Amino acid sequence: MAEQLQKKLQAEVEKYQELQKDLNKCMSARQKLEAQVTENNIVKEELDLLDVSNTVFKLIGPVLVKQDLEEAKATVSKRLDYINGEIKRYESQMKDMEKKSEQQREVLSKLQQDFQKAQAKVSVKS
């Protein structure tokens, strides 16, 4: 009985660790997106300072290509919208994972209690 509980407990611990690993990956990806938002906001602010007489270039591979100012502004805006959407998606994913993690923690706690009870019964019988 205690051996079965121990195996089940070990399996649940592994599930919990996997959830934590996935949550950490999600957090890391979200942090990268936050950095991209900051970077793109800076670019947007810089583009807002320019007027039509200024020349804007876009880096495509190793080449700088002339780009229309309005087109550059639109591209940065679209990029910001996309990144912000991705951040929201990751936040939603993280909430789900945190909820699952909490449920897994409760399952682990109950299994640990059951295991301890089973161990106590075994030591009383001895």
Protein backbone atom coordinates (compact mmCIF):
# COMPACT_ATOMS: atom_id res chain seq x y z
CA MET A 1 0.00 0.00 0.00
CA ALA A 2 2.71 2.46 1.05
CA GLU A 3 4.82 1.48 -1.97
CA GLN A 4 1.91 2.16 -4.33
CA LEU A 5 1.32 5.53 -2.70
CA GLN A 6 5.01 6.36 -3.00
CA LYS A 7 4.98 5.59 -6.75
CA LYS A 8 1.84 7.67 -7.24
CA LEU A 9 3.35 10.49 -5.18
CA GLN A 10 6.52 10.39 -7.30
CA ALA A 11 4.48 10.55 -10.52
CA GLU A 12 2.49 13.53 -9.21
CA VAL A 13 5.71 15.31 -8.15
CA GLU A 14 7.05 14.85 -11.68
CA LYS A 15 3.82 16.29 -13.12
CA TYR A 16 4.13 19.27 -10.79
CA GLN A 17 7.77 19.83 -11.77
CA GLU A 18 6.82 19.69 -15.46
CA LEU A 19 4.11 22.30 -14.87
CA GLN A 20 6.61 24.55 -13.11
CA LYS A 21 9.08 24.15 -15.99
CA ASP A 22 6.38 25.09 -18.52
CA LEU A 23 5.38 28.08 -16.40
CA ASN A 24 8.99 29.28 -16.28
CA LYS A 25 9.28 28.95 -20.08
CA CYS A 26 6.11 30.99 -20.45
CA MET A 27 7.42 33.69 -18.10
CA SER A 28 10.70 33.84 -19.99
CA ALA A 29 8.93 34.22 -23.34
CA ARG A 30 6.72 36.94 -21.89
CA GLN A 31 9.76 38.84 -20.60
CA LYS A 32 11.31 38.73 -24.07
CA LEU A 33 8.09 40.13 -25.52
CA GLU A 34 8.09 42.92 -22.91
CA ALA A 35 11.61 43.85 -24.02
CA GLN A 36 10.44 43.92 -27.64
CA VAL A 37 7.52 46.19 -26.70
CA THR A 38 9.90 48.61 -25.00
CA GLU A 39 12.23 48.58 -28.00
CA ASN A 40 9.39 49.12 -30.47
CA ASN A 41 7.92 51.94 -28.36
CA ILE A 42 11.28 53.70 -28.53
CA VAL A 43 11.32 53.26 -32.33
CA LYS A 44 7.75 54.60 -32.53
CA GLU A 45 8.67 57.66 -30.45
CA GLU A 46 11.67 58.32 -32.68
CA LEU A 47 9.56 58.00 -35.84
CA ASP A 48 7.02 60.43 -34.37
CA LEU A 49 9.77 63.06 -34.09
CA LEU A 50 10.44 62.92 -37.83
CA ASP A 51 8.68 64.79 -40.59
CA VAL A 52 8.22 63.86 -44.24
CA SER A 53 11.44 65.57 -45.29
CA ASN A 54 13.48 63.04 -43.27
CA THR A 55 14.66 59.82 -44.88
CA VAL A 56 13.89 56.49 -43.20
CA PHE A 57 15.77 53.30 -43.97
CA LYS A 58 14.85 49.72 -43.21
CA LEU A 59 17.45 47.01 -42.69
CA ILE A 60 16.70 44.00 -44.89
CA GLY A 61 19.44 41.44 -44.46
CA PRO A 62 22.75 43.25 -44.98
CA VAL A 63 21.13 46.07 -47.03
CA LEU A 64 19.57 49.38 -45.97
CA VAL A 65 16.49 50.08 -48.09
CA LYS A 66 14.72 53.44 -48.26
CA GLN A 67 11.24 53.29 -46.70
CA ASP A 68 8.30 55.68 -46.61
CA LEU A 69 7.85 57.31 -43.16
CA GLU A 70 4.14 56.46 -42.96
CA GLU A 71 4.85 52.88 -43.98
CA ALA A 72 7.51 52.61 -41.25
CA LYS A 73 5.09 54.02 -38.64
CA ALA A 74 2.37 51.58 -39.74
CA THR A 75 4.78 48.64 -39.59
CA VAL A 76 5.90 49.52 -36.05
CA SER A 77 2.27 50.00 -34.94
CA LYS A 78 1.26 46.62 -36.36
CA ARG A 79 4.27 45.01 -34.69
CA LEU A 80 3.31 46.56 -31.33
CA ASP A 81 -0.29 45.32 -31.71
CA TYR A 82 0.95 41.82 -32.49
CA ILE A 83 3.41 41.74 -29.58
CA ASN A 84 0.81 43.06 -27.14
CA GLY A 85 -1.59 40.35 -28.34
CA GLU A 86 1.09 37.72 -27.74
CA ILE A 87 1.73 39.09 -24.24
CA LYS A 88 -1.99 38.77 -23.44
CA ARG A 89 -1.96 35.21 -24.77
CA TYR A 90 1.01 34.31 -22.58
CA GLU A 91 -0.61 35.94 -19.54
CA SER A 92 -3.72 33.86 -20.12
CA GLN A 93 -1.59 30.72 -20.49
CA MET A 94 0.28 31.57 -17.29
CA LYS A 95 -2.98 32.01 -15.33
CA ASP A 96 -4.14 28.59 -16.52
CA MET A 97 -0.80 27.02 -15.61
CA GLU A 98 -0.82 28.65 -12.18
CA LYS A 99 -4.32 27.30 -11.58
CA LYS A 100 -3.24 23.80 -12.65
CA SER A 101 -0.12 24.12 -10.52
CA GLU A 102 -2.19 25.03 -7.47
CA GLN A 103 -4.49 22.04 -8.07
CA GLN A 104 -1.45 19.81 -8.47
CA ARG A 105 -0.03 21.16 -5.20
CA GLU A 106 -3.27 20.23 -3.43
CA VAL A 107 -3.17 16.71 -4.90
CA LEU A 108 0.45 16.37 -3.76
CA SER A 109 -0.40 17.56 -0.27
CA LYS A 110 -3.21 15.01 0.06
CA LEU A 111 -1.01 12.22 -1.28
CA GLN A 112 1.76 13.13 1.16
CA GLN A 113 -0.71 12.98 4.04
CA ASP A 114 -2.02 9.60 2.85
CA PHE A 115 1.55 8.34 2.47
CA GLN A 116 2.47 9.48 5.97
CA LYS A 117 -0.63 7.76 7.38
CA ALA A 118 0.26 4.58 5.53
CA GLN A 119 3.83 4.77 6.86
CA ALA A 120 2.52 5.29 10.38
CA LYS A 121 0.28 2.23 10.06
CA VAL A 122 3.23 0.14 8.83
CA SER A 123 5.43 1.25 11.75
CA VAL A 124 2.62 0.54 14.26
CA LYS A 125 2.20 -3.01 12.87
CA SER A 126 5.97 -3.66 13.19
